[in-house]
Amino acid sequence: MDTSVSTQQTQARIQLSGRFDFNAHREFREAVDKALGSQGTTEVAVDLGNVAYLDSSALGMLLMLRDKAKTSGKSVFLTNAKGSVKQVLEIANFGKLFPIS
């Protein structure tokens, strides 16, 4: 999986692409730390538009991000989920845990 983090005004954006699974935990954790460490940001967007696959460990990593963000006083939302990725999020009821657009 490839990750990149960008910031614009008060939003940090984590852009993911490829397979979001257990093998991606190190890259995702580094992206989370960078996004949450950005000065002046109040929210973190996780862009799933280029994610082809995600599994239960990816769901756990998203929950870890949510908990870390809450501790930092920041909000998290998921964006651009489509296809099977969107379906997995719906089955896991992530719409009750995250704003999804």
N, C-alpha and C. Protein backbone atom coordinates (compact mmCIF):
# COMPACT_ATOMS: atom_id res chain seq x y z
N MET A 1 0.84 -1.18 0.00
CA MET A 1 0.00 0.00 0.00
C MET A 1 0.89 1.24 0.00
N ASP A 2 0.46 2.24 -0.71
CA ASP A 2 1.14 3.53 -0.73
C ASP A 2 0.33 4.53 0.09
N THR A 3 1.03 5.38 0.83
CA THR A 3 0.37 6.41 1.62
C THR A 3 1.02 7.76 1.33
N SER A 4 0.23 8.79 1.43
CA SER A 4 0.78 10.14 1.40
C SER A 4 -0.09 11.01 2.30
N VAL A 5 0.54 12.01 2.88
CA VAL A 5 -0.17 12.91 3.78
C VAL A 5 0.02 14.33 3.27
N SER A 6 -1.07 15.05 3.15
CA SER A 6 -1.00 16.45 2.77
C SER A 6 -1.86 17.25 3.73
N THR A 7 -1.55 18.51 3.87
CA THR A 7 -2.35 19.38 4.73
C THR A 7 -2.79 20.60 3.94
N GLN A 8 -4.01 21.00 4.21
CA GLN A 8 -4.55 22.20 3.60
C GLN A 8 -5.43 22.88 4.63
N GLN A 9 -5.03 24.05 5.05
CA GLN A 9 -5.70 24.81 6.09
C GLN A 9 -5.82 23.96 7.35
N THR A 10 -7.03 23.60 7.77
CA THR A 10 -7.19 22.86 9.04
C THR A 10 -7.37 21.37 8.83
N GLN A 11 -7.15 20.89 7.60
CA GLN A 11 -7.39 19.47 7.32
C GLN A 11 -6.10 18.76 6.89
N ALA A 12 -5.84 17.62 7.53
CA ALA A 12 -4.79 16.72 7.07
C ALA A 12 -5.48 15.61 6.29
N ARG A 13 -4.92 15.25 5.14
CA ARG A 13 -5.52 14.21 4.29
C ARG A 13 -4.53 13.07 4.15
N ILE A 14 -4.99 11.87 4.52
CA ILE A 14 -4.20 10.66 4.32
C ILE A 14 -4.75 9.99 3.06
N GLN A 15 -3.93 9.95 2.04
CA GLN A 15 -4.30 9.33 0.75
C GLN A 15 -3.73 7.92 0.73
N LEU A 16 -4.61 6.93 0.58
CA LEU A 16 -4.19 5.53 0.55
C LEU A 16 -4.42 4.96 -0.84
N SER A 17 -3.56 4.03 -1.24
CA SER A 17 -3.80 3.33 -2.51
C SER A 17 -3.23 1.92 -2.41
N GLY A 18 -3.93 0.99 -3.07
CA GLY A 18 -3.51 -0.41 -3.05
C GLY A 18 -4.32 -1.23 -2.08
N ARG A 19 -3.68 -2.23 -1.51
CA ARG A 19 -4.33 -3.13 -0.54
C ARG A 19 -4.10 -2.61 0.88
N PHE A 20 -5.20 -2.35 1.58
CA PHE A 20 -5.13 -1.87 2.96
C PHE A 20 -5.38 -3.08 3.85
N ASP A 21 -4.29 -3.72 4.28
CA ASP A 21 -4.38 -4.91 5.10
C ASP A 21 -3.28 -4.88 6.16
N PHE A 22 -3.10 -5.99 6.87
CA PHE A 22 -2.14 -6.02 7.97
C PHE A 22 -0.74 -5.62 7.53
N ASN A 23 -0.35 -5.96 6.33
CA ASN A 23 0.99 -5.63 5.84
C ASN A 23 1.22 -4.13 5.72
N ALA A 24 0.17 -3.35 5.75
CA ALA A 24 0.27 -1.90 5.61
C ALA A 24 0.32 -1.18 6.95
N HIS A 25 0.36 -1.92 8.06
CA HIS A 25 0.23 -1.26 9.36
C HIS A 25 1.34 -0.26 9.63
N ARG A 26 2.57 -0.53 9.24
CA ARG A 26 3.67 0.39 9.52
C ARG A 26 3.50 1.69 8.73
N GLU A 27 3.21 1.57 7.44
CA GLU A 27 3.02 2.77 6.63
C GLU A 27 1.84 3.59 7.12
N PHE A 28 0.76 2.90 7.49
CA PHE A 28 -0.42 3.62 7.96
C PHE A 28 -0.13 4.32 9.28
N ARG A 29 0.56 3.67 10.18
CA ARG A 29 0.87 4.29 11.48
C ARG A 29 1.74 5.53 11.28
N GLU A 30 2.71 5.46 10.36
CA GLU A 30 3.55 6.62 10.09
C GLU A 30 2.73 7.77 9.51
N ALA A 31 1.79 7.45 8.61
CA ALA A 31 0.92 8.47 8.03
C ALA A 31 0.02 9.10 9.10
N VAL A 32 -0.49 8.27 10.00
CA VAL A 32 -1.33 8.77 11.10
C VAL A 32 -0.54 9.73 11.98
N ASP A 33 0.67 9.34 12.35
CA ASP A 33 1.50 10.19 13.21
C ASP A 33 1.79 11.52 12.53
N LYS A 34 2.08 11.48 11.23
CA LYS A 34 2.34 12.71 10.49
C LYS A 34 1.10 13.59 10.42
N ALA A 35 -0.05 12.98 10.12
CA ALA A 35 -1.30 13.75 10.02
C ALA A 35 -1.70 14.37 11.35
N LEU A 36 -1.61 13.60 12.42
CA LEU A 36 -2.01 14.11 13.73
C LEU A 36 -1.01 15.12 14.28
N GLY A 37 0.23 15.04 13.80
CA GLY A 37 1.26 15.98 14.26
C GLY A 37 1.27 17.29 13.50
N SER A 38 0.46 17.41 12.47
CA SER A 38 0.40 18.64 11.67
C SER A 38 -0.16 19.78 12.51
N GLN A 39 0.58 20.87 12.58
CA GLN A 39 0.14 22.02 13.37
C GLN A 39 -1.08 22.68 12.76
N GLY A 40 -2.04 23.02 13.59
CA GLY A 40 -3.21 23.77 13.15
C GLY A 40 -4.32 22.96 12.52
N THR A 41 -4.15 21.64 12.42
CA THR A 41 -5.21 20.84 11.83
C THR A 41 -6.22 20.45 12.90
N THR A 42 -7.49 20.41 12.48
CA THR A 42 -8.55 20.01 13.40
C THR A 42 -9.26 18.76 12.94
N GLU A 43 -8.99 18.33 11.69
CA GLU A 43 -9.63 17.13 11.19
C GLU A 43 -8.68 16.36 10.28
N VAL A 44 -8.95 15.06 10.21
CA VAL A 44 -8.16 14.17 9.36
C VAL A 44 -9.12 13.46 8.41
N ALA A 45 -8.85 13.58 7.12
CA ALA A 45 -9.62 12.88 6.10
C ALA A 45 -8.82 11.68 5.63
N VAL A 46 -9.45 10.53 5.58
CA VAL A 46 -8.80 9.33 5.04
C VAL A 46 -9.44 9.07 3.69
N ASP A 47 -8.65 9.26 2.63
CA ASP A 47 -9.14 9.10 1.27
C ASP A 47 -8.93 7.66 0.81
N LEU A 48 -10.04 6.94 0.65
CA LEU A 48 -10.00 5.52 0.28
C LEU A 48 -10.28 5.30 -1.20
N GLY A 49 -10.26 6.35 -2.00
CA GLY A 49 -10.63 6.27 -3.40
C GLY A 49 -9.78 5.32 -4.23
N ASN A 50 -8.52 5.15 -3.86
CA ASN A 50 -7.62 4.27 -4.61
C ASN A 50 -7.31 2.96 -3.88
N VAL A 51 -8.10 2.65 -2.86
CA VAL A 51 -7.91 1.39 -2.13
C VAL A 51 -8.72 0.30 -2.84
N ALA A 52 -8.03 -0.76 -3.22
CA ALA A 52 -8.68 -1.85 -3.95
C ALA A 52 -9.26 -2.90 -3.01
N TYR A 53 -8.75 -2.96 -1.77
CA TYR A 53 -9.12 -4.04 -0.84
C TYR A 53 -8.82 -3.57 0.56
N LEU A 54 -9.70 -3.91 1.50
CA LEU A 54 -9.37 -3.74 2.91
C LEU A 54 -9.94 -4.89 3.70
N ASP A 55 -9.26 -5.22 4.81
CA ASP A 55 -9.69 -6.35 5.62
C ASP A 55 -9.93 -5.90 7.05
N SER A 56 -10.16 -6.87 7.93
CA SER A 56 -10.50 -6.54 9.32
C SER A 56 -9.36 -5.82 10.04
N SER A 57 -8.12 -6.11 9.69
CA SER A 57 -7.02 -5.41 10.35
C SER A 57 -7.01 -3.94 9.92
N ALA A 58 -7.41 -3.65 8.68
CA ALA A 58 -7.53 -2.26 8.23
C ALA A 58 -8.62 -1.54 9.03
N LEU A 59 -9.72 -2.23 9.29
CA LEU A 59 -10.78 -1.63 10.10
C LEU A 59 -10.25 -1.30 11.49
N GLY A 60 -9.45 -2.20 12.05
CA GLY A 60 -8.84 -1.95 13.35
C GLY A 60 -7.90 -0.75 13.33
N MET A 61 -7.15 -0.60 12.24
CA MET A 61 -6.25 0.55 12.12
C MET A 61 -7.04 1.86 12.02
N LEU A 62 -8.18 1.84 11.34
CA LEU A 62 -9.02 3.03 11.28
C LEU A 62 -9.58 3.38 12.66
N LEU A 63 -9.93 2.37 13.44
CA LEU A 63 -10.40 2.62 14.81
C LEU A 63 -9.27 3.18 15.68
N MET A 64 -8.05 2.69 15.48
CA MET A 64 -6.90 3.22 16.20
C MET A 64 -6.71 4.70 15.86
N LEU A 65 -6.84 5.05 14.59
CA LEU A 65 -6.73 6.44 14.17
C LEU A 65 -7.80 7.28 14.86
N ARG A 66 -9.02 6.78 14.88
CA ARG A 66 -10.11 7.53 15.51
C ARG A 66 -9.80 7.80 16.98
N ASP A 67 -9.31 6.78 17.69
CA ASP A 67 -9.00 6.95 19.11
C ASP A 67 -7.86 7.94 19.33
N LYS A 68 -6.81 7.84 18.51
CA LYS A 68 -5.68 8.77 18.63
C LYS A 68 -6.11 10.19 18.30
N ALA A 69 -6.95 10.34 17.30
CA ALA A 69 -7.42 11.67 16.91
C ALA A 69 -8.26 12.28 18.02
N LYS A 70 -9.11 11.46 18.62
CA LYS A 70 -9.96 11.96 19.71
C LYS A 70 -9.09 12.47 20.85
N THR A 71 -8.03 11.75 21.17
CA THR A 71 -7.10 12.17 22.22
C THR A 71 -6.45 13.50 21.88
N SER A 72 -6.22 13.72 20.58
CA SER A 72 -5.60 14.97 20.11
C SER A 72 -6.62 16.07 19.86
N GLY A 73 -7.91 15.79 20.10
CA GLY A 73 -8.94 16.78 19.88
C GLY A 73 -9.26 17.01 18.40
N LYS A 74 -9.02 16.01 17.57
CA LYS A 74 -9.27 16.13 16.13
C LYS A 74 -10.35 15.14 15.72
N SER A 75 -11.04 15.47 14.64
CA SER A 75 -12.06 14.57 14.13
C SER A 75 -11.51 13.84 12.90
N VAL A 76 -12.14 12.71 12.58
CA VAL A 76 -11.73 11.89 11.45
C VAL A 76 -12.95 11.59 10.59
N PHE A 77 -12.77 11.63 9.28
CA PHE A 77 -13.82 11.16 8.40
C PHE A 77 -13.21 10.40 7.24
N LEU A 78 -14.01 9.52 6.66
CA LEU A 78 -13.58 8.68 5.54
C LEU A 78 -14.22 9.22 4.27
N THR A 79 -13.48 9.19 3.18
CA THR A 79 -14.01 9.74 1.94
C THR A 79 -13.63 8.87 0.74
N ASN A 80 -14.46 8.96 -0.29
CA ASN A 80 -14.24 8.30 -1.58
C ASN A 80 -14.25 6.78 -1.56
N ALA A 81 -14.82 6.17 -0.54
CA ALA A 81 -14.91 4.70 -0.53
C ALA A 81 -15.88 4.27 -1.62
N LYS A 82 -15.49 3.22 -2.35
CA LYS A 82 -16.36 2.72 -3.41
C LYS A 82 -16.20 1.21 -3.55
N GLY A 83 -17.15 0.62 -4.25
CA GLY A 83 -17.07 -0.81 -4.54
C GLY A 83 -17.03 -1.67 -3.30
N SER A 84 -16.14 -2.66 -3.31
CA SER A 84 -16.06 -3.61 -2.19
C SER A 84 -15.58 -2.93 -0.91
N VAL A 85 -14.78 -1.88 -1.03
CA VAL A 85 -14.31 -1.15 0.15
C VAL A 85 -15.50 -0.51 0.86
N LYS A 86 -16.36 0.13 0.10
CA LYS A 86 -17.56 0.74 0.68
C LYS A 86 -18.46 -0.32 1.29
N GLN A 87 -18.57 -1.45 0.63
CA GLN A 87 -19.41 -2.54 1.12
C GLN A 87 -18.90 -3.06 2.47
N VAL A 88 -17.58 -3.24 2.60
CA VAL A 88 -17.01 -3.71 3.87
C VAL A 88 -17.30 -2.70 4.97
N LEU A 89 -17.14 -1.41 4.69
CA LEU A 89 -17.42 -0.39 5.70
C LEU A 89 -18.89 -0.42 6.12
N GLU A 90 -19.78 -0.64 5.16
CA GLU A 90 -21.21 -0.71 5.48
C GLU A 90 -21.54 -1.94 6.32
N ILE A 91 -20.99 -3.08 5.96
CA ILE A 91 -21.23 -4.32 6.71
C ILE A 91 -20.74 -4.19 8.15
N ALA A 92 -19.59 -3.49 8.31
CA ALA A 92 -19.01 -3.31 9.65
C ALA A 92 -19.67 -2.15 10.41
N ASN A 93 -20.70 -1.53 9.83
CA ASN A 93 -21.40 -0.41 10.47
C ASN A 93 -20.48 0.77 10.79
N PHE A 94 -19.47 1.00 9.95
CA PHE A 94 -18.55 2.11 10.20
C PHE A 94 -19.22 3.46 10.00
N GLY A 95 -20.36 3.49 9.34
CA GLY A 95 -21.09 4.73 9.21
C GLY A 95 -21.57 5.27 10.54
N LYS A 96 -21.66 4.41 11.56
CA LYS A 96 -22.03 4.84 12.90
C LYS A 96 -20.83 5.34 13.68
N LEU A 97 -19.62 5.03 13.20
CA LEU A 97 -18.39 5.40 13.90
C LEU A 97 -17.67 6.59 13.27
N PHE A 98 -17.86 6.74 11.95
CA PHE A 98 -17.17 7.79 11.19
C PHE A 98 -18.16 8.47 10.25
N PRO A 99 -17.99 9.76 10.02
CA PRO A 99 -18.68 10.36 8.89
C PRO A 99 -18.04 9.79 7.60
N ILE A 100 -18.86 9.35 6.67
CA ILE A 100 -18.35 8.79 5.42
C ILE A 100 -18.97 9.58 4.27
N SER A 101 -18.11 10.11 3.41
CA SER A 101 -18.62 10.87 2.26
C SER A 101 -18.06 10.30 0.96
